[in-house]
């Protein structure tokens, strides 16, 4: 349900950027971005950015990510049932126990054009990020499991956490309304640093209409 509300919000931001007043459009950029994150955690992301006077920027992002769980007992065996299902489906049905991370971040940044046409921007940012992490826990060895069943039982546990994300984005606004972004970043959470890169598109008002901003 939360994801649906966020998608509606991003859509409204995109529509606003296309119908904003002429005065607002002169020196501001406001646009939505969509794409995919690779790295420690993988998955889709969406968000929006507002660049004030083509310099100071504000950002909101939402990511729905997952990875193969790092909390699996070393002697865990999924059983022959999983192996058979994987064989019959060419690997598509193989059980994969995953960690899930839903991330909502709010950030500030500074936009720096790298060429005279301003079709390449360097955009460093820092985000405060709220994490909702779901991962397997309470592992118990199942002595009664058959050869077809997993030899452990577990349950998924959810926890909340806060951290920071540092971004070093390269943006390519090819036109007034469309561009692409390459966004390597590092996340600090629970004293650990993890890396990744988001690759996506930007849609909306990418340049102010003032001739100096084109």
N, C-alpha and C. Protein backbone atom coordinates (compact mmCIF):
# COMPACT_ATOMS: atom_id res chain seq x y z
N UNK A 1 0.83 -1.20 0.00
CA UNK A 1 0.00 0.00 0.00
C UNK A 1 0.87 1.26 0.00
N UNK A 2 1.95 1.26 0.82
CA UNK A 2 2.84 2.41 0.88
C UNK A 2 3.46 2.67 -0.49
N UNK A 3 3.85 1.60 -1.18
CA UNK A 3 4.45 1.75 -2.50
C UNK A 3 3.50 2.43 -3.48
N UNK A 4 2.20 2.08 -3.39
CA UNK A 4 1.20 2.68 -4.28
C UNK A 4 1.12 4.18 -4.06
N UNK A 5 1.12 4.62 -2.79
CA UNK A 5 1.05 6.04 -2.49
C UNK A 5 2.27 6.78 -3.02
N UNK A 6 3.43 6.16 -2.89
CA UNK A 6 4.67 6.80 -3.36
C UNK A 6 4.66 6.95 -4.87
N UNK A 7 4.19 5.93 -5.59
CA UNK A 7 4.11 6.01 -7.05
C UNK A 7 3.14 7.11 -7.49
N UNK A 8 2.02 7.25 -6.76
CA UNK A 8 1.07 8.33 -7.07
C UNK A 8 1.74 9.68 -6.87
N UNK A 9 2.50 9.82 -5.76
CA UNK A 9 3.19 11.08 -5.49
C UNK A 9 4.18 11.42 -6.59
N UNK A 10 4.97 10.43 -7.02
CA UNK A 10 5.96 10.66 -8.07
C UNK A 10 5.26 11.07 -9.37
N UNK A 11 4.13 10.44 -9.69
CA UNK A 11 3.38 10.79 -10.89
C UNK A 11 2.89 12.23 -10.83
N UNK A 12 2.39 12.65 -9.66
CA UNK A 12 1.91 14.02 -9.51
C UNK A 12 3.05 15.02 -9.66
N UNK A 13 4.24 14.68 -9.13
CA UNK A 13 5.40 15.56 -9.29
C UNK A 13 5.75 15.71 -10.77
N UNK A 14 5.70 14.61 -11.52
CA UNK A 14 6.01 14.64 -12.95
C UNK A 14 5.03 15.55 -13.69
N UNK A 15 3.73 15.41 -13.37
CA UNK A 15 2.73 16.24 -14.03
C UNK A 15 2.90 17.71 -13.67
N UNK A 16 3.25 17.98 -12.40
CA UNK A 16 3.46 19.36 -11.99
C UNK A 16 4.64 19.97 -12.75
N UNK A 17 5.70 19.20 -12.94
CA UNK A 17 6.88 19.72 -13.63
C UNK A 17 6.56 20.12 -15.06
N UNK A 18 5.58 19.45 -15.67
CA UNK A 18 5.21 19.77 -17.05
C UNK A 18 4.25 20.95 -17.13
N UNK A 19 3.49 21.22 -16.03
CA UNK A 19 2.49 22.27 -16.05
C UNK A 19 2.83 23.42 -15.09
N UNK A 20 4.06 23.48 -14.61
CA UNK A 20 4.46 24.53 -13.68
C UNK A 20 4.39 25.90 -14.35
N UNK A 21 4.26 26.94 -13.52
CA UNK A 21 4.17 28.30 -14.05
C UNK A 21 5.47 28.70 -14.73
N UNK A 22 5.37 29.67 -15.61
CA UNK A 22 6.55 30.12 -16.35
C UNK A 22 7.60 30.68 -15.40
N UNK A 23 7.17 31.39 -14.35
CA UNK A 23 8.12 31.97 -13.41
C UNK A 23 8.90 30.88 -12.67
N UNK A 24 8.20 29.81 -12.28
CA UNK A 24 8.86 28.70 -11.60
C UNK A 24 9.84 28.01 -12.53
N UNK A 25 9.46 27.85 -13.79
CA UNK A 25 10.29 27.12 -14.75
C UNK A 25 11.59 27.83 -15.09
N UNK A 26 11.64 29.15 -14.90
CA UNK A 26 12.81 29.90 -15.35
C UNK A 26 14.10 29.40 -14.71
N UNK A 27 14.09 29.22 -13.41
CA UNK A 27 15.34 28.92 -12.71
C UNK A 27 15.29 27.65 -11.85
N UNK A 28 14.28 26.83 -12.07
CA UNK A 28 14.14 25.61 -11.28
C UNK A 28 14.06 24.39 -12.18
N UNK A 29 14.51 23.28 -11.65
CA UNK A 29 14.32 21.98 -12.29
C UNK A 29 13.58 21.09 -11.31
N UNK A 30 12.58 20.36 -11.78
CA UNK A 30 11.88 19.40 -10.94
C UNK A 30 11.51 18.21 -11.81
N UNK A 31 11.90 17.03 -11.39
CA UNK A 31 11.73 15.87 -12.27
C UNK A 31 11.67 14.58 -11.45
N UNK A 32 11.07 13.58 -12.06
CA UNK A 32 11.02 12.24 -11.48
C UNK A 32 12.16 11.40 -12.04
N UNK A 33 12.57 10.39 -11.29
CA UNK A 33 13.58 9.46 -11.79
C UNK A 33 13.19 8.03 -11.44
N UNK A 34 13.48 7.14 -12.37
CA UNK A 34 13.13 5.72 -12.23
C UNK A 34 14.32 4.90 -12.71
N UNK A 35 14.53 3.76 -12.10
CA UNK A 35 15.63 2.92 -12.56
C UNK A 35 15.82 1.68 -11.73
N UNK A 36 17.06 1.17 -11.78
CA UNK A 36 17.38 -0.10 -11.12
C UNK A 36 18.71 0.03 -10.40
N UNK A 37 18.75 -0.53 -9.21
CA UNK A 37 19.98 -0.49 -8.41
C UNK A 37 20.69 -1.83 -8.47
N UNK A 38 21.99 -1.80 -8.68
CA UNK A 38 22.83 -3.00 -8.61
C UNK A 38 23.84 -2.80 -7.48
N UNK A 39 24.32 -3.92 -6.95
CA UNK A 39 25.27 -3.84 -5.86
C UNK A 39 24.96 -4.88 -4.80
N UNK A 40 25.25 -4.56 -3.53
CA UNK A 40 24.98 -5.48 -2.44
C UNK A 40 23.52 -5.87 -2.42
N UNK A 41 22.64 -4.89 -2.50
CA UNK A 41 21.20 -5.11 -2.67
C UNK A 41 20.82 -4.71 -4.09
N UNK A 42 19.86 -5.40 -4.67
CA UNK A 42 19.41 -5.11 -6.03
C UNK A 42 17.91 -4.87 -6.04
N UNK A 43 17.46 -4.03 -6.99
CA UNK A 43 16.03 -3.83 -7.15
C UNK A 43 15.70 -2.47 -7.74
N UNK A 44 14.41 -2.22 -8.00
CA UNK A 44 13.98 -0.96 -8.62
C UNK A 44 13.94 0.19 -7.61
N UNK A 45 14.03 1.39 -8.15
CA UNK A 45 13.88 2.58 -7.30
C UNK A 45 13.11 3.64 -8.06
N UNK A 46 12.57 4.58 -7.32
CA UNK A 46 11.90 5.74 -7.92
C UNK A 46 12.08 6.93 -6.99
N UNK A 47 11.90 8.13 -7.51
CA UNK A 47 12.07 9.31 -6.68
C UNK A 47 11.85 10.58 -7.47
N UNK A 48 12.10 11.72 -6.81
CA UNK A 48 12.05 12.99 -7.53
C UNK A 48 13.10 13.93 -6.96
N UNK A 49 13.47 14.90 -7.78
CA UNK A 49 14.48 15.88 -7.41
C UNK A 49 13.99 17.28 -7.75
N UNK A 50 14.39 18.25 -6.95
CA UNK A 50 14.09 19.66 -7.18
C UNK A 50 15.39 20.43 -7.05
N UNK A 51 15.81 21.06 -8.14
CA UNK A 51 17.03 21.87 -8.14
C UNK A 51 16.62 23.34 -8.15
N UNK A 52 16.99 24.06 -7.10
CA UNK A 52 16.61 25.47 -6.93
C UNK A 52 17.68 26.36 -7.54
N UNK A 53 17.28 27.19 -8.50
CA UNK A 53 18.21 28.08 -9.20
C UNK A 53 19.40 27.30 -9.77
N UNK A 54 19.13 26.04 -10.16
CA UNK A 54 20.10 25.19 -10.82
C UNK A 54 21.35 24.92 -9.98
N UNK A 55 21.21 25.02 -8.65
CA UNK A 55 22.36 24.79 -7.77
C UNK A 55 21.97 23.86 -6.62
N UNK A 56 21.42 24.43 -5.55
CA UNK A 56 21.03 23.62 -4.39
C UNK A 56 19.87 22.70 -4.77
N UNK A 57 19.93 21.46 -4.30
CA UNK A 57 18.90 20.49 -4.70
C UNK A 57 18.36 19.73 -3.50
N UNK A 58 17.12 19.26 -3.66
CA UNK A 58 16.43 18.47 -2.65
C UNK A 58 15.91 17.19 -3.32
N UNK A 59 15.96 16.08 -2.57
CA UNK A 59 15.67 14.79 -3.19
C UNK A 59 14.84 13.90 -2.27
N UNK A 60 14.02 13.07 -2.91
CA UNK A 60 13.30 12.00 -2.22
C UNK A 60 13.44 10.73 -3.06
N UNK A 61 13.76 9.61 -2.42
CA UNK A 61 13.88 8.34 -3.14
C UNK A 61 13.24 7.21 -2.36
N UNK A 62 12.70 6.24 -3.10
CA UNK A 62 12.16 5.03 -2.49
C UNK A 62 12.72 3.83 -3.26
N UNK A 63 13.27 2.87 -2.53
CA UNK A 63 13.88 1.69 -3.14
C UNK A 63 13.28 0.42 -2.53
N UNK A 64 13.04 -0.56 -3.38
CA UNK A 64 12.54 -1.88 -2.95
C UNK A 64 13.58 -2.91 -3.38
N UNK A 65 14.42 -3.35 -2.43
CA UNK A 65 15.63 -4.11 -2.77
C UNK A 65 15.65 -5.48 -2.08
N UNK A 66 16.50 -6.35 -2.59
CA UNK A 66 16.68 -7.67 -1.98
C UNK A 66 18.07 -8.19 -2.29
N UNK A 67 18.48 -9.20 -1.52
CA UNK A 67 19.74 -9.90 -1.75
C UNK A 67 19.61 -11.31 -1.18
N UNK A 68 20.47 -12.21 -1.61
CA UNK A 68 20.51 -13.53 -1.01
C UNK A 68 20.89 -13.37 0.45
N UNK A 69 20.14 -14.02 1.34
CA UNK A 69 20.33 -13.80 2.77
C UNK A 69 21.74 -14.16 3.21
N UNK A 70 22.28 -13.35 4.12
CA UNK A 70 23.59 -13.61 4.71
C UNK A 70 23.45 -14.30 6.06
N UNK A 71 22.21 -14.70 6.41
CA UNK A 71 21.95 -15.25 7.74
C UNK A 71 21.43 -16.68 7.65
N UNK A 72 22.04 -17.48 6.77
CA UNK A 72 21.61 -18.87 6.58
C UNK A 72 22.62 -19.80 7.25
N UNK A 73 22.16 -20.77 8.04
CA UNK A 73 23.10 -21.72 8.67
C UNK A 73 23.98 -22.41 7.63
N UNK A 74 25.21 -22.67 8.01
CA UNK A 74 26.16 -23.26 7.05
C UNK A 74 25.75 -24.67 6.63
N UNK A 75 24.99 -25.37 7.48
CA UNK A 75 24.58 -26.73 7.13
C UNK A 75 23.14 -26.80 6.62
N UNK A 76 22.61 -25.63 6.20
CA UNK A 76 21.24 -25.61 5.67
C UNK A 76 21.16 -26.39 4.37
N UNK A 77 20.12 -27.23 4.27
CA UNK A 77 19.88 -28.03 3.06
C UNK A 77 18.43 -27.83 2.64
N UNK A 78 18.17 -27.29 1.45
CA UNK A 78 16.78 -27.02 1.04
C UNK A 78 15.97 -28.28 0.75
N UNK A 79 16.62 -29.43 0.61
CA UNK A 79 15.90 -30.67 0.37
C UNK A 79 15.79 -31.01 -1.11
N UNK A 80 15.47 -32.28 -1.37
CA UNK A 80 15.36 -32.74 -2.75
C UNK A 80 14.15 -32.15 -3.46
N UNK A 81 13.13 -31.78 -2.70
CA UNK A 81 11.95 -31.17 -3.31
C UNK A 81 12.30 -29.88 -4.03
N UNK A 82 13.11 -29.07 -3.40
CA UNK A 82 13.55 -27.82 -4.02
C UNK A 82 14.42 -28.10 -5.24
N UNK A 83 15.31 -29.10 -5.12
CA UNK A 83 16.18 -29.44 -6.24
C UNK A 83 15.37 -29.94 -7.44
N UNK A 84 14.34 -30.75 -7.18
CA UNK A 84 13.49 -31.26 -8.25
C UNK A 84 12.70 -30.13 -8.91
N UNK A 85 12.13 -29.24 -8.09
CA UNK A 85 11.39 -28.10 -8.64
C UNK A 85 12.29 -27.21 -9.47
N UNK A 86 13.51 -27.03 -9.02
CA UNK A 86 14.47 -26.22 -9.77
C UNK A 86 14.81 -26.86 -11.10
N UNK A 87 14.98 -28.19 -11.09
CA UNK A 87 15.31 -28.89 -12.33
C UNK A 87 14.18 -28.81 -13.34
N UNK A 88 12.95 -29.00 -12.89
CA UNK A 88 11.80 -28.99 -13.80
C UNK A 88 11.50 -27.60 -14.35
N UNK A 89 11.91 -26.56 -13.63
CA UNK A 89 11.62 -25.18 -14.07
C UNK A 89 12.89 -24.48 -14.57
N UNK A 90 13.92 -25.25 -14.87
CA UNK A 90 15.19 -24.69 -15.35
C UNK A 90 15.78 -23.69 -14.37
N UNK A 91 15.61 -23.98 -13.09
CA UNK A 91 16.20 -23.13 -12.05
C UNK A 91 15.32 -22.02 -11.56
N UNK A 92 14.19 -21.74 -12.22
CA UNK A 92 13.36 -20.60 -11.84
C UNK A 92 12.65 -20.80 -10.51
N UNK A 93 12.37 -22.04 -10.13
CA UNK A 93 11.61 -22.29 -8.91
C UNK A 93 12.50 -22.60 -7.72
N UNK A 94 13.80 -22.52 -7.89
CA UNK A 94 14.70 -22.85 -6.79
C UNK A 94 14.49 -21.90 -5.63
N UNK A 95 14.38 -22.46 -4.43
CA UNK A 95 14.16 -21.63 -3.25
C UNK A 95 15.35 -20.72 -3.03
N UNK A 96 15.07 -19.45 -2.84
CA UNK A 96 16.12 -18.49 -2.54
C UNK A 96 15.67 -17.69 -1.32
N UNK A 97 16.33 -17.91 -0.20
CA UNK A 97 16.00 -17.19 1.02
C UNK A 97 16.68 -15.82 0.94
N UNK A 98 15.90 -14.76 1.05
CA UNK A 98 16.43 -13.43 0.79
C UNK A 98 16.24 -12.49 1.98
N UNK A 99 17.11 -11.49 2.03
CA UNK A 99 16.91 -10.32 2.87
C UNK A 99 16.25 -9.25 2.01
N UNK A 100 15.28 -8.53 2.59
CA UNK A 100 14.58 -7.47 1.87
C UNK A 100 14.80 -6.14 2.57
N UNK A 101 15.00 -5.11 1.78
CA UNK A 101 15.20 -3.78 2.33
C UNK A 101 14.32 -2.78 1.59
N UNK A 102 13.42 -2.13 2.32
CA UNK A 102 12.62 -1.04 1.78
C UNK A 102 13.21 0.25 2.32
N UNK A 103 13.64 1.13 1.44
CA UNK A 103 14.41 2.30 1.85
C UNK A 103 13.74 3.59 1.38
N UNK A 104 13.55 4.51 2.30
CA UNK A 104 12.99 5.83 1.99
C UNK A 104 14.01 6.87 2.43
N UNK A 105 14.44 7.71 1.50
CA UNK A 105 15.51 8.65 1.82
C UNK A 105 15.16 10.07 1.42
N UNK A 106 15.67 11.02 2.22
CA UNK A 106 15.50 12.44 1.98
C UNK A 106 16.88 13.07 1.97
N UNK A 107 17.18 13.84 0.91
CA UNK A 107 18.54 14.34 0.80
C UNK A 107 18.66 15.74 0.25
N UNK A 108 19.87 16.27 0.35
CA UNK A 108 20.22 17.56 -0.23
C UNK A 108 21.48 17.36 -1.06
N UNK A 109 21.66 18.24 -2.04
CA UNK A 109 22.83 18.13 -2.91
C UNK A 109 23.15 19.45 -3.57
N UNK A 110 24.10 19.38 -4.50
CA UNK A 110 24.52 20.57 -5.23
C UNK A 110 24.83 20.17 -6.66
N UNK A 111 24.21 20.86 -7.61
CA UNK A 111 24.35 20.52 -9.02
C UNK A 111 25.46 21.34 -9.66
N UNK A 112 26.41 20.63 -10.30
CA UNK A 112 27.57 21.29 -10.92
C UNK A 112 27.65 20.90 -12.40
N UNK A 113 27.39 21.82 -13.34
CA UNK A 113 27.52 21.50 -14.76
C UNK A 113 28.98 21.25 -15.13
N UNK A 114 29.21 20.26 -15.99
CA UNK A 114 30.58 19.90 -16.38
C UNK A 114 30.93 20.33 -17.80
N UNK A 115 29.95 20.89 -18.54
CA UNK A 115 30.26 21.42 -19.87
C UNK A 115 29.41 22.66 -20.12
N UNK A 116 29.75 23.41 -21.15
CA UNK A 116 29.06 24.67 -21.42
C UNK A 116 27.60 24.48 -21.77
N UNK A 117 27.28 23.39 -22.47
CA UNK A 117 25.89 23.13 -22.85
C UNK A 117 25.06 22.60 -21.69
N UNK A 118 25.71 22.29 -20.58
CA UNK A 118 25.05 21.78 -19.37
C UNK A 118 24.28 20.50 -19.63
N UNK A 119 24.83 19.67 -20.53
CA UNK A 119 24.23 18.37 -20.80
C UNK A 119 24.87 17.27 -19.97
N UNK A 120 25.84 17.65 -19.13
CA UNK A 120 26.45 16.72 -18.17
C UNK A 120 26.53 17.45 -16.83
N UNK A 121 25.99 16.83 -15.79
CA UNK A 121 26.03 17.44 -14.47
C UNK A 121 26.63 16.45 -13.47
N UNK A 122 27.49 16.99 -12.58
CA UNK A 122 27.93 16.23 -11.42
C UNK A 122 27.08 16.65 -10.25
N UNK A 123 26.52 15.68 -9.55
CA UNK A 123 25.49 16.00 -8.56
C UNK A 123 25.76 15.24 -7.25
N UNK A 124 26.69 15.71 -6.41
CA UNK A 124 26.90 15.07 -5.11
C UNK A 124 25.72 15.31 -4.18
N UNK A 125 25.36 14.28 -3.37
CA UNK A 125 24.20 14.38 -2.48
C UNK A 125 24.49 13.60 -1.20
N UNK A 126 23.79 13.98 -0.15
CA UNK A 126 23.78 13.20 1.08
C UNK A 126 22.32 13.00 1.50
N UNK A 127 21.98 11.76 1.83
CA UNK A 127 20.61 11.41 2.19
C UNK A 127 20.55 10.84 3.61
N UNK A 128 19.51 11.24 4.33
CA UNK A 128 19.12 10.51 5.53
C UNK A 128 18.16 9.42 5.08
N UNK A 129 18.42 8.18 5.47
CA UNK A 129 17.66 7.05 4.94
C UNK A 129 17.02 6.25 6.06
N UNK A 130 15.74 5.96 5.89
CA UNK A 130 14.99 5.10 6.81
C UNK A 130 14.86 3.72 6.17
N UNK A 131 15.30 2.69 6.88
CA UNK A 131 15.29 1.33 6.36
C UNK A 131 14.23 0.49 7.07
N UNK A 132 13.52 -0.32 6.31
CA UNK A 132 12.66 -1.37 6.85
C UNK A 132 13.20 -2.69 6.30
N UNK A 133 13.87 -3.45 7.16
CA UNK A 133 14.60 -4.63 6.74
C UNK A 133 13.88 -5.90 7.21
N UNK A 134 13.64 -6.81 6.29
CA UNK A 134 13.03 -8.10 6.62
C UNK A 134 14.02 -9.20 6.27
N UNK A 135 14.32 -10.04 7.26
CA UNK A 135 15.33 -11.09 7.06
C UNK A 135 14.96 -12.32 7.87
N UNK A 136 15.47 -13.49 7.49
CA UNK A 136 15.13 -14.71 8.22
C UNK A 136 15.81 -14.76 9.58
N UNK A 137 15.10 -15.37 10.54
CA UNK A 137 15.65 -15.51 11.88
C UNK A 137 14.99 -16.67 12.61
N UNK A 138 15.36 -16.85 13.88
CA UNK A 138 14.83 -17.94 14.71
C UNK A 138 14.98 -19.29 14.00
N UNK A 139 16.16 -19.56 13.49
CA UNK A 139 16.41 -20.83 12.81
C UNK A 139 16.36 -21.99 13.81
N UNK A 140 15.67 -23.05 13.43
CA UNK A 140 15.60 -24.25 14.26
C UNK A 140 15.80 -25.49 13.38
N UNK A 141 16.69 -26.35 13.84
CA UNK A 141 16.92 -27.58 13.08
C UNK A 141 15.70 -28.48 13.19
N UNK A 142 15.23 -28.97 12.05
CA UNK A 142 14.04 -29.82 12.01
C UNK A 142 14.46 -31.28 11.90
N UNK A 143 14.44 -31.98 13.05
CA UNK A 143 14.88 -33.38 13.06
C UNK A 143 13.88 -34.30 12.37
N UNK A 144 12.64 -33.84 12.19
CA UNK A 144 11.62 -34.68 11.57
C UNK A 144 11.48 -34.45 10.07
N UNK A 145 12.30 -33.56 9.49
CA UNK A 145 12.19 -33.24 8.07
C UNK A 145 12.54 -34.45 7.22
N UNK A 146 11.77 -34.64 6.16
CA UNK A 146 12.08 -35.71 5.23
C UNK A 146 13.17 -35.25 4.27
N UNK A 147 13.64 -36.18 3.44
CA UNK A 147 14.70 -35.85 2.51
C UNK A 147 14.26 -34.84 1.45
N UNK A 148 12.93 -34.65 1.32
CA UNK A 148 12.41 -33.72 0.32
C UNK A 148 12.22 -32.30 0.89
N UNK A 149 12.32 -32.15 2.22
CA UNK A 149 12.03 -30.87 2.86
C UNK A 149 13.31 -30.22 3.39
N UNK A 150 13.27 -28.89 3.60
CA UNK A 150 14.43 -28.22 4.20
C UNK A 150 14.70 -28.76 5.60
N UNK A 151 15.96 -28.76 5.99
CA UNK A 151 16.30 -29.29 7.31
C UNK A 151 16.26 -28.24 8.41
N UNK A 152 15.85 -27.01 8.06
CA UNK A 152 15.67 -25.95 9.05
C UNK A 152 14.32 -25.28 8.84
N UNK A 153 13.74 -24.81 9.93
CA UNK A 153 12.59 -23.92 9.85
C UNK A 153 13.06 -22.52 10.30
N UNK A 154 12.36 -21.51 9.86
CA UNK A 154 12.71 -20.14 10.22
C UNK A 154 11.48 -19.26 10.05
N UNK A 155 11.58 -18.04 10.52
CA UNK A 155 10.51 -17.07 10.26
C UNK A 155 11.15 -15.74 9.88
N UNK A 156 10.44 -14.99 9.07
CA UNK A 156 10.94 -13.70 8.63
C UNK A 156 10.69 -12.65 9.71
N UNK A 157 11.72 -11.88 10.02
CA UNK A 157 11.63 -10.87 11.07
C UNK A 157 11.92 -9.49 10.47
N UNK A 158 11.15 -8.51 10.92
CA UNK A 158 11.30 -7.15 10.40
C UNK A 158 11.88 -6.23 11.47
N UNK A 159 12.76 -5.35 11.03
CA UNK A 159 13.32 -4.34 11.94
C UNK A 159 13.47 -3.02 11.21
N UNK A 160 13.48 -1.95 11.97
CA UNK A 160 13.64 -0.61 11.44
C UNK A 160 15.04 -0.11 11.77
N UNK A 161 15.62 0.67 10.87
CA UNK A 161 16.96 1.21 11.10
C UNK A 161 17.09 2.54 10.37
N UNK A 162 18.08 3.33 10.79
CA UNK A 162 18.36 4.61 10.13
C UNK A 162 19.83 4.64 9.73
N UNK A 163 20.11 5.34 8.65
CA UNK A 163 21.47 5.46 8.19
C UNK A 163 21.62 6.63 7.23
N UNK A 164 22.76 6.69 6.57
CA UNK A 164 23.05 7.77 5.63
C UNK A 164 23.55 7.18 4.32
N UNK A 165 23.21 7.86 3.22
CA UNK A 165 23.65 7.45 1.90
C UNK A 165 24.36 8.62 1.23
N UNK A 166 25.56 8.38 0.73
CA UNK A 166 26.34 9.38 0.00
C UNK A 166 26.32 9.04 -1.48
N UNK A 167 25.92 9.99 -2.31
CA UNK A 167 25.80 9.78 -3.75
C UNK A 167 26.78 10.67 -4.50
N UNK A 168 27.27 10.16 -5.63
CA UNK A 168 28.11 10.94 -6.54
C UNK A 168 27.55 10.75 -7.95
N UNK A 169 26.44 11.43 -8.24
CA UNK A 169 25.69 11.19 -9.47
C UNK A 169 26.30 11.91 -10.67
N UNK A 170 26.23 11.22 -11.80
CA UNK A 170 26.47 11.85 -13.09
C UNK A 170 25.14 11.87 -13.84
N UNK A 171 24.70 13.06 -14.25
CA UNK A 171 23.41 13.20 -14.92
C UNK A 171 23.63 13.72 -16.33
N UNK A 172 22.82 13.18 -17.25
CA UNK A 172 22.92 13.55 -18.66
C UNK A 172 21.54 14.00 -19.14
N UNK A 173 21.18 15.27 -18.89
CA UNK A 173 19.89 15.79 -19.37
C UNK A 173 19.96 16.14 -20.85
N UNK A 174 19.65 15.17 -21.71
CA UNK A 174 19.81 15.35 -23.15
C UNK A 174 18.86 16.39 -23.72
N UNK A 175 17.71 16.57 -23.06
CA UNK A 175 16.72 17.54 -23.55
C UNK A 175 16.06 18.19 -22.34
N UNK A 176 15.10 19.05 -22.61
CA UNK A 176 14.39 19.72 -21.53
C UNK A 176 13.62 18.75 -20.66
N UNK A 177 13.23 17.59 -21.23
CA UNK A 177 12.31 16.70 -20.52
C UNK A 177 12.84 15.30 -20.28
N UNK A 178 14.01 14.93 -20.84
CA UNK A 178 14.46 13.55 -20.71
C UNK A 178 15.97 13.48 -20.55
N UNK A 179 16.41 12.54 -19.71
CA UNK A 179 17.84 12.31 -19.53
C UNK A 179 18.07 10.99 -18.82
N UNK A 180 19.34 10.66 -18.63
CA UNK A 180 19.69 9.46 -17.90
C UNK A 180 20.62 9.83 -16.75
N UNK A 181 20.69 8.97 -15.74
CA UNK A 181 21.54 9.22 -14.59
C UNK A 181 22.29 7.95 -14.20
N UNK A 182 23.54 8.11 -13.82
CA UNK A 182 24.37 7.03 -13.29
C UNK A 182 24.79 7.46 -11.89
N UNK A 183 24.41 6.68 -10.89
CA UNK A 183 24.47 7.17 -9.51
C UNK A 183 25.19 6.18 -8.58
N UNK A 184 26.53 6.14 -8.59
CA UNK A 184 27.23 5.32 -7.59
C UNK A 184 27.06 5.92 -6.20
N UNK A 185 26.95 5.06 -5.20
CA UNK A 185 26.72 5.57 -3.85
C UNK A 185 27.19 4.57 -2.81
N UNK A 186 27.33 5.06 -1.59
CA UNK A 186 27.71 4.23 -0.44
C UNK A 186 26.72 4.49 0.68
N UNK A 187 26.34 3.42 1.38
CA UNK A 187 25.38 3.51 2.46
C UNK A 187 26.04 3.10 3.77
N UNK A 188 25.85 3.93 4.79
CA UNK A 188 26.35 3.63 6.13
C UNK A 188 25.17 3.21 6.99
N UNK A 189 25.20 1.95 7.45
CA UNK A 189 24.10 1.39 8.25
C UNK A 189 24.68 0.42 9.27
N UNK A 190 24.32 0.61 10.53
CA UNK A 190 24.76 -0.27 11.61
C UNK A 190 26.28 -0.42 11.65
N UNK A 191 27.00 0.67 11.36
CA UNK A 191 28.45 0.65 11.42
C UNK A 191 29.12 -0.01 10.23
N UNK A 192 28.34 -0.43 9.23
CA UNK A 192 28.90 -1.06 8.05
C UNK A 192 28.64 -0.20 6.82
N UNK A 193 29.55 -0.27 5.85
CA UNK A 193 29.41 0.48 4.60
C UNK A 193 29.16 -0.50 3.46
N UNK A 194 28.12 -0.26 2.69
CA UNK A 194 27.84 -1.08 1.50
C UNK A 194 27.72 -0.17 0.30
N UNK A 195 28.07 -0.70 -0.87
CA UNK A 195 28.08 0.11 -2.07
C UNK A 195 27.08 -0.37 -3.10
N UNK A 196 26.83 0.49 -4.07
CA UNK A 196 25.93 0.14 -5.15
C UNK A 196 25.92 1.23 -6.20
N UNK A 197 25.14 1.02 -7.23
CA UNK A 197 25.01 2.01 -8.30
C UNK A 197 23.60 1.95 -8.85
N UNK A 198 22.96 3.10 -8.95
CA UNK A 198 21.62 3.20 -9.53
C UNK A 198 21.74 3.76 -10.95
N UNK A 199 21.07 3.10 -11.87
CA UNK A 199 21.08 3.52 -13.28
C UNK A 199 19.63 3.74 -13.69
N UNK A 200 19.32 4.94 -14.18
CA UNK A 200 17.91 5.21 -14.48
C UNK A 200 17.71 6.35 -15.44
N UNK A 201 16.45 6.74 -15.57
CA UNK A 201 16.06 7.84 -16.45
C UNK A 201 15.47 8.97 -15.63
N UNK A 202 15.56 10.17 -16.17
CA UNK A 202 14.97 11.37 -15.56
C UNK A 202 13.91 11.91 -16.51
N UNK A 203 12.74 12.22 -15.96
CA UNK A 203 11.63 12.73 -16.77
C UNK A 203 11.00 13.92 -16.05
N UNK A 204 10.88 15.03 -16.75
CA UNK A 204 10.27 16.21 -16.16
C UNK A 204 10.91 17.47 -16.69
N UNK A 205 11.04 18.47 -15.84
CA UNK A 205 11.70 19.73 -16.20
C UNK A 205 13.15 19.64 -15.76
N UNK A 206 14.05 19.32 -16.69
CA UNK A 206 15.45 19.05 -16.35
C UNK A 206 16.33 20.28 -16.41
N UNK A 207 15.87 21.33 -17.12
CA UNK A 207 16.59 22.60 -17.19
C UNK A 207 15.60 23.72 -16.91
N UNK A 208 16.07 24.79 -16.25
CA UNK A 208 15.26 25.99 -16.20
C UNK A 208 15.13 26.59 -17.59
N UNK A 209 14.02 27.28 -17.84
CA UNK A 209 13.79 27.85 -19.17
C UNK A 209 14.56 29.14 -19.41
N UNK A 210 15.14 29.71 -18.36
CA UNK A 210 16.01 30.87 -18.55
C UNK A 210 17.15 30.47 -19.49
N UNK A 211 17.43 31.26 -20.56
CA UNK A 211 18.47 30.89 -21.53
C UNK A 211 19.82 30.58 -20.89
N UNK A 212 20.12 31.17 -19.75
CA UNK A 212 21.39 30.92 -19.08
C UNK A 212 21.46 29.48 -18.56
N UNK A 213 20.31 28.84 -18.41
CA UNK A 213 20.29 27.49 -17.86
C UNK A 213 20.27 26.41 -18.93
N UNK A 214 20.27 26.77 -20.19
CA UNK A 214 20.18 25.79 -21.27
C UNK A 214 21.55 25.49 -21.84
